[in-house]
Structures are given as structure tokens and as C-alpha cells.
């Protein structure tokens, strides 16, 4: 549903062919806090988004699935998600939070 493949392009730097892939997704700002000994993630951009877990790693692992479920439920009810759908062309660079 979100993957669109374009013709192959030639990457001179790598001396190989590489498929350009477009994916669509939502960019969600998330606030992670320590609350009563647990970790909590909320989002100022998505009402109802809440993840509670015992560790930071678990909150970060669960957050995308919780957001996807909430966004799908909104769409099923005919509610337009409050976030713009973005297209990203792969390869791309992203930041990942890796707890120490």
C-alpha cells in the first residue's frame, strides 16, 4: 500500500544499480517522561496517543505500533488524521534514539 517502486537508477559511487523506493508515513513528535517509576510516551500532535512501559527501550519499541493502531482506528471512523502524510524516498537518513 505504501511502497511505490520507480525504475532502477545507477549509483556511480557504489558501482551498482539500486532501486529508488518511496514510502509514505506520518512523522510523530513524541514526549517521553518518567512517571511513578515507569516510562510514558505521549504526543502533542495525536490526541489519545499513550504508551506506558517499564523501560525506555520498551516504550520506544511499542510507540510506532500504538500510533499506527490509533491512526487506523481514526481512519476507520472517517476521522482525518491530524498529521500530514509524508513521502520519503529511500535511501534516506533518519535519527534513531539508542539508549545507553
Foldseek 3Di string as FASTA:
>chain_A
DFWDWDDWDADPVVRGIDIKIKGKDFDFDWDWDQDPQWIWIDGPQFPPQIDIGNDPVVSVVCRVVSVVVSCVVCVVVVHHRSTDIDMDIPPDDDDDDDDD
